[in-house]
Amino acid sequence: MATTCISRPSTMIQLRRSKKGTSALRNSHICNYAPANALYSLAQTAVKSNKLCLGNWSSSQSRSRKPMRYKFPVMEWQDCSAEIDVDVPCSVAYQCYSDRETIPQWMPFISSVTVLKDKPDLSRWSLKYTVFERDVEFSWLARNLKPIPNQKIHWRSLEGLPNRGAVRFYPKGASSCRVELTVSYEVPEVLAPVASALKPFLEGLLLNGLKRFAAVAKDYDKEVKH
């Protein structure tokens, strides 16, 4: 009987087709890109059918041992948010925040934002910062989704560091508004050991950034009026 095998020591796996047409998992040093859900489904099927073996065990050995589930790594996502009142109308705050290339002026951990000239809805971002004594550097390509003028700007990453987020603007009067920033991101592996402390740390950075944005928006409003 054909046996579905999972090689436990290896952290990288790939799907292959055996001569008899049975799907199998084997060690690989070049493939870390097979969809995790597909591999997990295959492993579950193998466990349920009692055809799971580990390493190089034979099918006869696997019959005498209790099948074990292979745990595939699941990356953790975190949601961070911050909000602040700004002494400018929603329209001014919206216009100011829409200029993506100026965002590094008030977000200290964003080192650069470059809008693609031929595709203005796309922009390349880079992040450099020291987090819990770790120097981290990430980059990503983001697409700005269809905005709601004077109300919402939102985006999602297409490659690089997985993230998505939104900036919402709520009027508080003729000359003030509330700005709410929400960011969701996949915790990078290098920061996984400090994941529990990462959220409050980053929310503090976002709030400090919005405080700087409030000052920049007021200066922007004065320039527009003059």
N, C-alpha and C. Protein backbone atom coordinates (compact mmCIF):
# COMPACT_ATOMS: atom_id res chain seq x y z
N MET A 1 0.86 -1.20 0.00
CA MET A 1 0.00 0.00 0.00
C MET A 1 0.89 1.24 0.00
N ALA A 2 0.56 2.23 -0.81
CA ALA A 2 1.35 3.47 -0.88
C ALA A 2 1.18 4.25 0.40
N THR A 3 2.26 4.90 0.81
CA THR A 3 2.23 5.62 2.08
C THR A 3 2.55 7.08 1.86
N THR A 4 1.78 7.98 2.47
CA THR A 4 2.06 9.42 2.42
C THR A 4 3.03 9.77 3.51
N CYS A 5 4.16 10.37 3.16
CA CYS A 5 5.22 10.61 4.12
C CYS A 5 5.43 12.09 4.34
N ILE A 6 5.77 12.44 5.59
CA ILE A 6 6.17 13.80 5.92
C ILE A 6 7.52 13.72 6.61
N SER A 7 8.49 14.45 6.09
CA SER A 7 9.83 14.42 6.67
C SER A 7 9.90 15.45 7.76
N ARG A 8 9.96 15.01 8.95
CA ARG A 8 9.87 15.90 10.10
C ARG A 8 11.07 16.83 10.26
N PRO A 9 12.31 16.37 10.07
CA PRO A 9 13.45 17.24 10.34
C PRO A 9 13.50 18.47 9.46
N SER A 10 12.98 18.40 8.25
CA SER A 10 13.11 19.50 7.32
C SER A 10 12.05 20.56 7.57
N THR A 11 12.44 21.84 7.41
CA THR A 11 11.48 22.93 7.56
C THR A 11 10.92 23.37 6.23
N MET A 12 11.42 22.79 5.14
CA MET A 12 10.96 23.16 3.81
C MET A 12 10.43 21.92 3.10
N ILE A 13 9.27 22.05 2.50
CA ILE A 13 8.59 20.90 1.94
C ILE A 13 8.03 21.20 0.58
N GLN A 14 7.80 20.16 -0.20
CA GLN A 14 7.20 20.35 -1.50
C GLN A 14 6.34 19.13 -1.83
N LEU A 15 5.37 19.34 -2.72
CA LEU A 15 4.52 18.26 -3.17
C LEU A 15 5.16 17.59 -4.37
N ARG A 16 5.07 16.26 -4.44
CA ARG A 16 5.54 15.56 -5.63
C ARG A 16 4.56 14.45 -5.96
N ARG A 17 4.61 13.92 -7.11
CA ARG A 17 3.75 12.83 -7.54
C ARG A 17 4.60 11.58 -7.67
N SER A 18 4.24 10.52 -6.95
CA SER A 18 5.00 9.27 -7.02
C SER A 18 4.64 8.53 -8.30
N LYS A 19 5.37 7.45 -8.54
CA LYS A 19 5.15 6.68 -9.76
C LYS A 19 3.75 6.10 -9.80
N LYS A 20 3.19 5.79 -8.62
CA LYS A 20 1.85 5.22 -8.57
C LYS A 20 0.77 6.29 -8.50
N GLY A 21 1.17 7.57 -8.56
CA GLY A 21 0.18 8.63 -8.57
C GLY A 21 -0.23 9.10 -7.19
N THR A 22 0.48 8.67 -6.16
CA THR A 22 0.13 9.07 -4.80
C THR A 22 0.90 10.32 -4.43
N SER A 23 0.18 11.36 -3.91
CA SER A 23 0.85 12.59 -3.49
C SER A 23 1.70 12.30 -2.28
N ALA A 24 2.85 12.93 -2.19
CA ALA A 24 3.74 12.72 -1.06
C ALA A 24 4.43 14.01 -0.70
N LEU A 25 4.95 14.09 0.50
CA LEU A 25 5.72 15.22 0.96
C LEU A 25 7.15 14.72 1.18
N ARG A 26 8.09 15.51 0.76
CA ARG A 26 9.48 15.09 0.93
C ARG A 26 10.36 16.30 1.25
N ASN A 27 11.58 15.99 1.74
CA ASN A 27 12.53 17.06 2.04
C ASN A 27 12.87 17.82 0.77
N SER A 28 13.10 19.14 0.94
CA SER A 28 13.56 19.95 -0.18
C SER A 28 14.32 21.16 0.34
N HIS A 29 15.40 21.52 -0.31
CA HIS A 29 16.15 22.71 0.08
C HIS A 29 15.86 23.86 -0.87
N ILE A 30 14.94 23.69 -1.78
CA ILE A 30 14.68 24.74 -2.76
C ILE A 30 13.24 25.16 -2.78
N CYS A 31 12.37 24.47 -2.06
CA CYS A 31 10.94 24.78 -2.17
C CYS A 31 10.35 25.11 -0.82
N ASN A 32 9.94 26.35 -0.65
CA ASN A 32 9.24 26.76 0.56
C ASN A 32 7.98 27.50 0.17
N TYR A 33 7.46 27.21 -1.01
CA TYR A 33 6.40 28.02 -1.58
C TYR A 33 5.10 27.27 -1.79
N ALA A 34 5.02 25.98 -1.46
CA ALA A 34 3.77 25.24 -1.60
C ALA A 34 2.76 25.81 -0.63
N PRO A 35 1.51 26.05 -1.04
CA PRO A 35 0.51 26.63 -0.14
C PRO A 35 0.34 25.81 1.12
N ALA A 36 0.42 26.49 2.25
CA ALA A 36 0.36 25.78 3.53
C ALA A 36 -0.97 25.07 3.72
N ASN A 37 -2.07 25.70 3.25
CA ASN A 37 -3.37 25.06 3.44
C ASN A 37 -3.48 23.76 2.65
N ALA A 38 -2.86 23.72 1.46
CA ALA A 38 -2.90 22.50 0.66
C ALA A 38 -2.11 21.39 1.34
N LEU A 39 -0.94 21.75 1.89
CA LEU A 39 -0.11 20.77 2.56
C LEU A 39 -0.79 20.28 3.83
N TYR A 40 -1.40 21.19 4.56
CA TYR A 40 -2.08 20.80 5.79
C TYR A 40 -3.24 19.87 5.49
N SER A 41 -3.98 20.17 4.42
CA SER A 41 -5.10 19.31 4.03
C SER A 41 -4.61 17.91 3.69
N LEU A 42 -3.48 17.85 2.96
CA LEU A 42 -2.92 16.56 2.61
C LEU A 42 -2.50 15.79 3.85
N ALA A 43 -1.89 16.49 4.81
CA ALA A 43 -1.45 15.84 6.04
C ALA A 43 -2.64 15.32 6.83
N GLN A 44 -3.72 16.12 6.89
CA GLN A 44 -4.91 15.67 7.60
C GLN A 44 -5.47 14.40 6.97
N THR A 45 -5.52 14.39 5.61
CA THR A 45 -6.04 13.21 4.91
C THR A 45 -5.20 11.99 5.22
N ALA A 46 -3.88 12.17 5.27
CA ALA A 46 -2.99 11.05 5.56
C ALA A 46 -3.21 10.53 6.97
N VAL A 47 -3.39 11.46 7.92
CA VAL A 47 -3.59 11.04 9.30
C VAL A 47 -4.89 10.27 9.45
N LYS A 48 -5.98 10.78 8.83
CA LYS A 48 -7.27 10.12 8.95
C LYS A 48 -7.26 8.72 8.33
N SER A 49 -6.49 8.56 7.27
CA SER A 49 -6.46 7.26 6.60
C SER A 49 -5.39 6.33 7.19
N ASN A 50 -4.71 6.82 8.28
CA ASN A 50 -3.69 6.01 8.95
C ASN A 50 -2.56 5.63 8.02
N LYS A 51 -2.17 6.58 7.14
CA LYS A 51 -1.10 6.32 6.19
C LYS A 51 0.02 7.33 6.34
N LEU A 52 0.25 7.79 7.56
CA LEU A 52 1.26 8.80 7.80
C LEU A 52 2.50 8.18 8.42
N CYS A 53 3.65 8.50 7.86
CA CYS A 53 4.90 8.04 8.46
C CYS A 53 5.84 9.22 8.56
N LEU A 54 6.85 9.13 9.40
CA LEU A 54 7.78 10.21 9.64
C LEU A 54 9.15 9.81 9.14
N GLY A 55 9.88 10.81 8.61
CA GLY A 55 11.24 10.57 8.16
C GLY A 55 11.30 9.49 7.10
N ASN A 56 12.16 8.52 7.31
CA ASN A 56 12.34 7.43 6.36
C ASN A 56 11.71 6.13 6.84
N TRP A 57 10.75 6.20 7.79
CA TRP A 57 10.10 4.97 8.24
C TRP A 57 9.38 4.29 7.09
N SER A 58 9.33 2.99 7.14
CA SER A 58 8.61 2.24 6.11
C SER A 58 7.13 2.18 6.48
N SER A 59 6.30 1.73 5.55
CA SER A 59 4.86 1.63 5.81
C SER A 59 4.58 0.63 6.92
N SER A 60 5.42 -0.46 7.03
CA SER A 60 5.20 -1.45 8.09
C SER A 60 5.49 -0.84 9.45
N GLN A 61 6.52 0.04 9.52
CA GLN A 61 6.83 0.70 10.78
C GLN A 61 5.70 1.64 11.16
N SER A 62 5.13 2.32 10.15
CA SER A 62 4.10 3.30 10.45
C SER A 62 2.85 2.63 11.00
N ARG A 63 2.59 1.38 10.64
CA ARG A 63 1.41 0.69 11.13
C ARG A 63 1.53 0.41 12.63
N SER A 64 2.78 0.26 13.10
CA SER A 64 2.97 -0.09 14.51
C SER A 64 3.12 1.13 15.40
N ARG A 65 3.09 2.29 14.83
CA ARG A 65 3.26 3.50 15.61
C ARG A 65 2.04 4.41 15.42
N LYS A 66 1.75 5.20 16.43
CA LYS A 66 0.61 6.11 16.38
C LYS A 66 0.92 7.25 15.42
N PRO A 67 0.04 7.51 14.46
CA PRO A 67 0.29 8.61 13.51
C PRO A 67 0.43 9.94 14.24
N MET A 68 1.28 10.82 13.69
CA MET A 68 1.50 12.14 14.30
C MET A 68 1.14 13.22 13.28
N ARG A 69 0.58 14.29 13.76
CA ARG A 69 0.26 15.41 12.89
C ARG A 69 1.49 16.29 12.71
N TYR A 70 1.68 16.77 11.50
CA TYR A 70 2.77 17.69 11.21
C TYR A 70 2.23 19.10 11.35
N LYS A 71 2.85 19.92 12.19
CA LYS A 71 2.38 21.28 12.42
C LYS A 71 3.06 22.24 11.45
N PHE A 72 2.28 22.85 10.57
CA PHE A 72 2.81 23.82 9.64
C PHE A 72 2.85 25.19 10.30
N PRO A 73 3.88 25.99 10.05
CA PRO A 73 3.99 27.30 10.70
C PRO A 73 2.87 28.24 10.25
N VAL A 74 2.29 28.95 11.21
CA VAL A 74 1.25 29.94 10.92
C VAL A 74 1.75 31.29 11.39
N MET A 75 1.86 32.24 10.47
CA MET A 75 2.34 33.57 10.82
C MET A 75 1.25 34.35 11.53
N GLU A 76 1.64 35.13 12.50
CA GLU A 76 0.70 35.88 13.32
C GLU A 76 0.48 37.28 12.74
N TRP A 77 -0.78 37.69 12.68
CA TRP A 77 -1.12 39.05 12.25
C TRP A 77 -1.52 39.86 13.47
N GLN A 78 -1.16 41.13 13.45
CA GLN A 78 -1.54 42.03 14.53
C GLN A 78 -2.22 43.27 13.95
N ASP A 79 -3.16 43.82 14.71
CA ASP A 79 -3.84 45.06 14.34
C ASP A 79 -3.42 46.15 15.31
N CYS A 80 -3.02 47.29 14.76
CA CYS A 80 -2.64 48.44 15.58
C CYS A 80 -3.46 49.64 15.16
N SER A 81 -3.77 50.50 16.10
CA SER A 81 -4.54 51.69 15.76
C SER A 81 -4.16 52.85 16.67
N ALA A 82 -4.41 54.06 16.17
CA ALA A 82 -4.18 55.28 16.93
C ALA A 82 -5.09 56.35 16.34
N GLU A 83 -5.47 57.32 17.15
CA GLU A 83 -6.32 58.39 16.66
C GLU A 83 -5.98 59.69 17.38
N ILE A 84 -6.33 60.80 16.73
CA ILE A 84 -6.00 62.10 17.30
C ILE A 84 -6.92 63.15 16.70
N ASP A 85 -7.19 64.22 17.47
CA ASP A 85 -7.95 65.35 16.96
C ASP A 85 -6.99 66.33 16.31
N VAL A 86 -7.37 66.82 15.16
CA VAL A 86 -6.53 67.74 14.39
C VAL A 86 -7.32 69.03 14.14
N ASP A 87 -6.67 70.16 14.34
CA ASP A 87 -7.34 71.45 14.20
C ASP A 87 -7.35 71.94 12.76
N VAL A 88 -7.81 71.11 11.86
CA VAL A 88 -8.02 71.48 10.45
C VAL A 88 -9.28 70.75 9.97
N PRO A 89 -9.93 71.24 8.94
CA PRO A 89 -11.10 70.54 8.39
C PRO A 89 -10.72 69.18 7.82
N CYS A 90 -11.71 68.29 7.67
CA CYS A 90 -11.46 66.96 7.10
C CYS A 90 -10.82 67.06 5.72
N SER A 91 -11.28 67.99 4.92
CA SER A 91 -10.76 68.12 3.55
C SER A 91 -9.27 68.43 3.54
N VAL A 92 -8.83 69.27 4.49
CA VAL A 92 -7.41 69.62 4.56
C VAL A 92 -6.58 68.43 5.06
N ALA A 93 -7.06 67.77 6.10
CA ALA A 93 -6.34 66.60 6.63
C ALA A 93 -6.25 65.51 5.56
N TYR A 94 -7.32 65.32 4.82
CA TYR A 94 -7.36 64.31 3.76
C TYR A 94 -6.33 64.63 2.68
N GLN A 95 -6.32 65.88 2.23
CA GLN A 95 -5.37 66.28 1.18
C GLN A 95 -3.93 66.14 1.65
N CYS A 96 -3.70 66.51 2.90
CA CYS A 96 -2.35 66.43 3.44
C CYS A 96 -1.88 64.98 3.52
N TYR A 97 -2.74 64.08 3.99
CA TYR A 97 -2.36 62.68 4.13
C TYR A 97 -2.28 61.98 2.78
N SER A 98 -2.97 62.51 1.79
CA SER A 98 -2.96 61.88 0.45
C SER A 98 -1.60 62.00 -0.22
N ASP A 99 -0.77 62.94 0.23
CA ASP A 99 0.57 63.10 -0.34
C ASP A 99 1.48 62.07 0.31
N ARG A 100 1.49 60.86 -0.24
CA ARG A 100 2.19 59.74 0.39
C ARG A 100 3.69 59.97 0.55
N GLU A 101 4.30 60.68 -0.38
CA GLU A 101 5.75 60.84 -0.32
C GLU A 101 6.20 61.75 0.82
N THR A 102 5.27 62.47 1.44
CA THR A 102 5.63 63.31 2.59
C THR A 102 5.41 62.60 3.93
N ILE A 103 4.87 61.39 3.89
CA ILE A 103 4.58 60.66 5.13
C ILE A 103 5.81 60.46 6.02
N PRO A 104 7.01 60.21 5.46
CA PRO A 104 8.20 60.08 6.33
C PRO A 104 8.47 61.32 7.17
N GLN A 105 7.88 62.47 6.82
CA GLN A 105 8.09 63.68 7.61
C GLN A 105 7.50 63.55 9.02
N TRP A 106 6.41 62.78 9.13
CA TRP A 106 5.80 62.64 10.47
C TRP A 106 5.79 61.22 11.01
N MET A 107 6.08 60.23 10.16
CA MET A 107 6.21 58.85 10.64
C MET A 107 7.70 58.48 10.66
N PRO A 108 8.35 58.56 11.82
CA PRO A 108 9.81 58.40 11.87
C PRO A 108 10.32 57.03 11.45
N PHE A 109 9.49 55.99 11.56
CA PHE A 109 9.97 54.66 11.20
C PHE A 109 9.83 54.38 9.70
N ILE A 110 9.14 55.24 8.97
CA ILE A 110 9.06 55.12 7.51
C ILE A 110 10.19 55.96 6.91
N SER A 111 11.13 55.30 6.29
CA SER A 111 12.30 56.02 5.77
C SER A 111 12.06 56.64 4.39
N SER A 112 11.20 56.02 3.58
CA SER A 112 10.91 56.60 2.26
C SER A 112 9.64 56.02 1.68
N VAL A 113 8.97 56.83 0.86
CA VAL A 113 7.80 56.41 0.09
C VAL A 113 7.96 56.98 -1.31
N THR A 114 7.92 56.13 -2.30
CA THR A 114 8.07 56.57 -3.68
C THR A 114 6.87 56.13 -4.51
N VAL A 115 6.13 57.08 -5.04
CA VAL A 115 4.97 56.78 -5.88
C VAL A 115 5.45 56.47 -7.29
N LEU A 116 4.96 55.39 -7.88
CA LEU A 116 5.36 55.02 -9.23
C LEU A 116 4.75 56.00 -10.23
N LYS A 117 5.59 56.55 -11.09
CA LYS A 117 5.13 57.58 -12.02
C LYS A 117 4.11 57.06 -13.02
N ASP A 118 4.32 55.83 -13.51
CA ASP A 118 3.41 55.29 -14.51
C ASP A 118 2.17 54.65 -13.89
N LYS A 119 2.21 54.39 -12.57
CA LYS A 119 1.07 53.80 -11.87
C LYS A 119 0.92 54.50 -10.52
N PRO A 120 0.27 55.66 -10.50
CA PRO A 120 0.21 56.47 -9.27
C PRO A 120 -0.53 55.83 -8.11
N ASP A 121 -1.27 54.76 -8.36
CA ASP A 121 -1.94 54.08 -7.24
C ASP A 121 -0.98 53.14 -6.51
N LEU A 122 0.21 52.92 -7.09
CA LEU A 122 1.22 52.06 -6.48
C LEU A 122 2.34 52.90 -5.87
N SER A 123 2.90 52.41 -4.78
CA SER A 123 4.01 53.12 -4.14
C SER A 123 4.92 52.11 -3.45
N ARG A 124 6.21 52.43 -3.44
CA ARG A 124 7.20 51.58 -2.77
C ARG A 124 7.59 52.22 -1.43
N TRP A 125 7.54 51.39 -0.39
CA TRP A 125 7.79 51.86 0.96
C TRP A 125 9.01 51.17 1.54
N SER A 126 9.73 51.86 2.38
CA SER A 126 10.83 51.25 3.12
C SER A 126 10.75 51.69 4.57
N LEU A 127 11.09 50.77 5.45
CA LEU A 127 11.02 50.99 6.89
C LEU A 127 12.36 50.65 7.50
N LYS A 128 12.88 51.55 8.32
CA LYS A 128 14.12 51.29 9.05
C LYS A 128 13.93 51.82 10.46
N TYR A 129 14.15 50.94 11.44
CA TYR A 129 13.95 51.38 12.81
C TYR A 129 14.61 50.38 13.76
N THR A 130 14.85 50.80 14.98
CA THR A 130 15.37 49.92 16.01
C THR A 130 14.23 49.53 16.93
N VAL A 131 13.92 48.24 16.98
CA VAL A 131 12.81 47.73 17.77
C VAL A 131 13.36 46.78 18.83
N PHE A 132 13.24 47.16 20.10
CA PHE A 132 13.75 46.33 21.20
C PHE A 132 15.19 45.90 20.93
N GLU A 133 16.03 46.88 20.62
CA GLU A 133 17.47 46.68 20.39
C GLU A 133 17.75 45.83 19.16
N ARG A 134 16.79 45.73 18.28
CA ARG A 134 16.99 45.01 17.02
C ARG A 134 16.85 46.02 15.88
N ASP A 135 17.85 46.11 15.02
CA ASP A 135 17.75 46.97 13.84
C ASP A 135 16.98 46.22 12.77
N VAL A 136 15.82 46.75 12.41
CA VAL A 136 14.99 46.07 11.42
C VAL A 136 14.85 46.95 10.18
N GLU A 137 14.72 46.31 9.06
CA GLU A 137 14.57 47.01 7.78
C GLU A 137 13.67 46.17 6.88
N PHE A 138 12.57 46.76 6.41
CA PHE A 138 11.63 46.07 5.55
C PHE A 138 11.21 46.98 4.41
N SER A 139 10.70 46.38 3.35
CA SER A 139 10.18 47.16 2.23
C SER A 139 8.97 46.44 1.66
N TRP A 140 8.13 47.17 0.95
CA TRP A 140 6.95 46.56 0.34
C TRP A 140 6.40 47.47 -0.76
N LEU A 141 5.64 46.86 -1.64
CA LEU A 141 4.92 47.57 -2.68
C LEU A 141 3.45 47.60 -2.28
N ALA A 142 2.86 48.80 -2.25
CA ALA A 142 1.48 48.94 -1.79
C ALA A 142 0.60 49.51 -2.90
N ARG A 143 -0.64 49.08 -2.89
CA ARG A 143 -1.63 49.65 -3.80
C ARG A 143 -2.66 50.43 -2.99
N ASN A 144 -2.87 51.68 -3.36
CA ASN A 144 -3.93 52.46 -2.76
C ASN A 144 -5.26 52.05 -3.38
N LEU A 145 -6.19 51.61 -2.55
CA LEU A 145 -7.51 51.22 -3.03
C LEU A 145 -8.36 52.47 -3.24
N LYS A 146 -9.53 52.31 -3.88
CA LYS A 146 -10.36 53.45 -4.21
C LYS A 146 -10.74 54.21 -2.95
N PRO A 147 -10.36 55.48 -2.84
CA PRO A 147 -10.63 56.23 -1.61
C PRO A 147 -12.05 56.79 -1.58
N ILE A 148 -12.46 57.22 -0.41
CA ILE A 148 -13.69 57.99 -0.25
C ILE A 148 -13.23 59.40 0.09
N PRO A 149 -13.33 60.34 -0.84
CA PRO A 149 -12.79 61.69 -0.63
C PRO A 149 -13.20 62.30 0.71
N ASN A 150 -12.19 62.83 1.40
CA ASN A 150 -12.37 63.51 2.69
C ASN A 150 -12.87 62.58 3.80
N GLN A 151 -12.91 61.27 3.53
CA GLN A 151 -13.38 60.34 4.55
C GLN A 151 -12.43 59.16 4.80
N LYS A 152 -11.86 58.59 3.74
CA LYS A 152 -11.09 57.36 3.94
C LYS A 152 -10.03 57.18 2.87
N ILE A 153 -8.83 56.80 3.32
CA ILE A 153 -7.73 56.37 2.46
C ILE A 153 -7.35 54.97 2.94
N HIS A 154 -7.25 54.00 2.05
CA HIS A 154 -6.88 52.66 2.49
C HIS A 154 -6.01 51.98 1.45
N TRP A 155 -5.27 50.99 1.87
CA TRP A 155 -4.26 50.34 1.02
C TRP A 155 -4.06 48.90 1.46
N ARG A 156 -3.32 48.18 0.63
CA ARG A 156 -2.85 46.83 0.98
C ARG A 156 -1.55 46.59 0.24
N SER A 157 -0.69 45.79 0.82
CA SER A 157 0.59 45.49 0.18
C SER A 157 0.42 44.41 -0.87
N LEU A 158 1.22 44.47 -1.91
CA LEU A 158 1.20 43.49 -2.99
C LEU A 158 2.40 42.55 -2.92
N GLU A 159 3.48 43.04 -2.38
CA GLU A 159 4.68 42.22 -2.20
C GLU A 159 5.52 42.82 -1.08
N GLY A 160 6.46 42.03 -0.58
CA GLY A 160 7.25 42.49 0.55
C GLY A 160 6.54 42.23 1.86
N LEU A 161 6.74 43.08 2.85
CA LEU A 161 6.12 42.91 4.16
C LEU A 161 4.59 42.95 4.04
N PRO A 162 3.89 41.85 4.39
CA PRO A 162 2.44 41.83 4.27
C PRO A 162 1.79 42.81 5.25
N ASN A 163 1.00 43.74 4.73
CA ASN A 163 0.30 44.69 5.58
C ASN A 163 -0.87 45.31 4.84
N ARG A 164 -1.77 45.90 5.58
CA ARG A 164 -2.90 46.63 5.03
C ARG A 164 -3.34 47.65 6.07
N GLY A 165 -4.09 48.65 5.64
CA GLY A 165 -4.52 49.63 6.63
C GLY A 165 -5.43 50.67 6.04
N ALA A 166 -5.83 51.61 6.92
CA ALA A 166 -6.76 52.67 6.50
C ALA A 166 -6.57 53.89 7.39
N VAL A 167 -6.83 55.05 6.80
CA VAL A 167 -6.88 56.31 7.54
C VAL A 167 -8.28 56.86 7.34
N ARG A 168 -8.97 57.14 8.44
CA ARG A 168 -10.34 57.65 8.36
C ARG A 168 -10.40 59.04 8.98
N PHE A 169 -11.25 59.89 8.40
CA PHE A 169 -11.37 61.28 8.82
C PHE A 169 -12.81 61.56 9.23
N TYR A 170 -12.99 62.00 10.48
CA TYR A 170 -14.33 62.27 11.00
C TYR A 170 -14.44 63.74 11.37
N PRO A 171 -15.40 64.46 10.82
CA PRO A 171 -15.54 65.89 11.16
C PRO A 171 -15.96 66.10 12.60
N LYS A 172 -15.37 67.09 13.25
CA LYS A 172 -15.76 67.45 14.60
C LYS A 172 -16.29 68.88 14.66
N GLY A 173 -16.30 69.52 13.53
CA GLY A 173 -16.75 70.90 13.44
C GLY A 173 -16.28 71.47 12.12
N ALA A 174 -16.47 72.75 11.93
CA ALA A 174 -16.08 73.38 10.66
C ALA A 174 -14.57 73.43 10.47
N SER A 175 -13.84 73.44 11.58
CA SER A 175 -12.39 73.63 11.46
C SER A 175 -11.58 72.56 12.20
N SER A 176 -12.17 71.42 12.49
CA SER A 176 -11.42 70.35 13.17
C SER A 176 -11.97 68.99 12.77
N CYS A 177 -11.17 67.97 13.00
CA CYS A 177 -11.58 66.60 12.66
C CYS A 177 -10.81 65.62 13.51
N ARG A 178 -11.28 64.38 13.50
CA ARG A 178 -10.57 63.29 14.17
C ARG A 178 -9.98 62.39 13.09
N VAL A 179 -8.70 62.08 13.24
CA VAL A 179 -7.99 61.21 12.29
C VAL A 179 -7.72 59.88 12.99
N GLU A 180 -8.17 58.80 12.37
CA GLU A 180 -7.99 57.46 12.94
C GLU A 180 -7.17 56.61 11.98
N LEU A 181 -6.05 56.09 12.45
CA LEU A 181 -5.15 55.27 11.63
C LEU A 181 -5.16 53.84 12.14
N THR A 182 -5.42 52.90 11.25
CA THR A 182 -5.42 51.47 11.59
C THR A 182 -4.48 50.74 10.64
N VAL A 183 -3.59 49.94 11.19
CA VAL A 183 -2.62 49.18 10.39
C VAL A 183 -2.64 47.73 10.85
N SER A 184 -2.73 46.81 9.90
CA SER A 184 -2.63 45.37 10.17
C SER A 184 -1.41 44.84 9.44
N TYR A 185 -0.63 43.99 10.09
CA TYR A 185 0.60 43.51 9.48
C TYR A 185 0.90 42.10 9.98
N GLU A 186 1.67 41.40 9.17
CA GLU A 186 2.14 40.07 9.56
C GLU A 186 3.43 40.24 10.35
N VAL A 187 3.46 39.70 11.54
CA VAL A 187 4.63 39.85 12.40
C VAL A 187 5.85 39.19 11.74
N PRO A 188 6.90 39.94 11.44
CA PRO A 188 8.09 39.34 10.82
C PRO A 188 8.72 38.31 11.75
N GLU A 189 9.33 37.30 11.16
CA GLU A 189 9.93 36.22 11.95
C GLU A 189 10.96 36.73 12.93
N VAL A 190 11.73 37.76 12.52
CA VAL A 190 12.78 38.28 13.39
C VAL A 190 12.20 38.92 14.65
N LEU A 191 10.92 39.34 14.59
CA LEU A 191 10.29 39.99 15.74
C LEU A 191 9.31 39.08 16.47
N ALA A 192 9.19 37.85 16.03
CA ALA A 192 8.26 36.92 16.66
C ALA A 192 8.50 36.75 18.16
N PRO A 193 9.76 36.71 18.63
CA PRO A 193 9.98 36.53 20.08
C PRO A 193 9.42 37.67 20.93
N VAL A 194 9.21 38.85 20.32
CA VAL A 194 8.71 40.00 21.08
C VAL A 194 7.33 40.41 20.59
N ALA A 195 6.59 39.48 19.99
CA ALA A 195 5.30 39.80 19.38
C ALA A 195 4.32 40.38 20.39
N SER A 196 4.32 39.86 21.62
CA SER A 196 3.35 40.32 22.61
C SER A 196 3.58 41.78 23.00
N ALA A 197 4.83 42.23 22.95
CA ALA A 197 5.14 43.63 23.30
C ALA A 197 5.16 44.53 22.08
N LEU A 198 5.05 43.94 20.90
CA LEU A 198 5.18 44.70 19.67
C LEU A 198 3.99 45.64 19.44
N LYS A 199 2.77 45.16 19.73
CA LYS A 199 1.58 45.97 19.47
C LYS A 199 1.58 47.29 20.22
N PRO A 200 1.73 47.30 21.56
CA PRO A 200 1.74 48.59 22.26
C PRO A 200 2.90 49.48 21.83
N PHE A 201 4.02 48.87 21.49
CA PHE A 201 5.17 49.65 21.04
C PHE A 201 4.84 50.37 19.73
N LEU A 202 4.29 49.65 18.76
CA LEU A 202 3.97 50.25 17.47
C LEU A 202 2.80 51.22 17.57
N GLU A 203 1.84 50.94 18.43
CA GLU A 203 0.73 51.89 18.60
C GLU A 203 1.25 53.20 19.17
N GLY A 204 2.28 53.14 20.00
CA GLY A 204 2.91 54.36 20.49
C GLY A 204 3.58 55.13 19.37
N LEU A 205 4.24 54.40 18.47
CA LEU A 205 4.87 55.05 17.32
C LEU A 205 3.83 55.70 16.42
N LEU A 206 2.71 54.99 16.19
CA LEU A 206 1.65 55.55 15.34
C LEU A 206 1.07 56.82 15.96
N LEU A 207 0.84 56.80 17.25
CA LEU A 207 0.28 57.98 17.92
C LEU A 207 1.23 59.16 17.84
N ASN A 208 2.52 58.91 18.08
CA ASN A 208 3.51 59.99 17.96
C ASN A 208 3.55 60.53 16.54
N GLY A 209 3.40 59.62 15.57
CA GLY A 209 3.36 60.05 14.18
C GLY A 209 2.16 60.93 13.88
N LEU A 210 1.01 60.57 14.43
CA LEU A 210 -0.19 61.38 14.21
C LEU A 210 -0.07 62.75 14.89
N LYS A 211 0.62 62.81 16.01
CA LYS A 211 0.84 64.10 16.65
C LYS A 211 1.67 65.01 15.75
N ARG A 212 2.68 64.44 15.11
CA ARG A 212 3.47 65.21 14.16
C ARG A 212 2.63 65.59 12.94
N PHE A 213 1.76 64.65 12.52
CA PHE A 213 0.88 64.94 11.38
C PHE A 213 -0.04 66.12 11.70
N ALA A 214 -0.53 66.21 12.92
CA ALA A 214 -1.41 67.31 13.31
C ALA A 214 -0.71 68.66 13.12
N ALA A 215 0.57 68.71 13.49
CA ALA A 215 1.33 69.96 13.32
C ALA A 215 1.58 70.25 11.84
N VAL A 216 1.93 69.20 11.07
CA VAL A 216 2.17 69.38 9.63
C VAL A 216 0.89 69.81 8.93
N ALA A 217 -0.25 69.23 9.31
CA ALA A 217 -1.53 69.58 8.69
C ALA A 217 -1.90 71.03 8.95
N LYS A 218 -1.62 71.53 10.15
CA LYS A 218 -1.91 72.93 10.47
C LYS A 218 -1.06 73.87 9.61
N ASP A 219 0.23 73.53 9.44
CA ASP A 219 1.09 74.33 8.57
C ASP A 219 0.60 74.27 7.13
N TYR A 220 0.17 73.07 6.71
CA TYR A 220 -0.36 72.88 5.36
C TYR A 220 -1.61 73.74 5.16
N ASP A 221 -2.47 73.80 6.17
CA ASP A 221 -3.69 74.59 6.09
C ASP A 221 -3.37 76.07 5.94
N LYS A 222 -2.37 76.55 6.67
CA LYS A 222 -1.99 77.95 6.57
C LYS A 222 -1.47 78.29 5.17
N GLU A 223 -0.69 77.37 4.60
CA GLU A 223 -0.16 77.60 3.25
C GLU A 223 -1.29 77.63 2.22
N VAL A 224 -2.26 76.76 2.38
CA VAL A 224 -3.38 76.71 1.44
C VAL A 224 -4.19 78.02 1.51
N LYS A 225 -4.39 78.54 2.70
CA LYS A 225 -5.18 79.76 2.88
C LYS A 225 -4.46 80.98 2.32
N HIS A 226 -3.14 80.91 2.33
CA HIS A 226 -2.37 82.05 1.80
C HIS A 226 -2.00 81.83 0.33
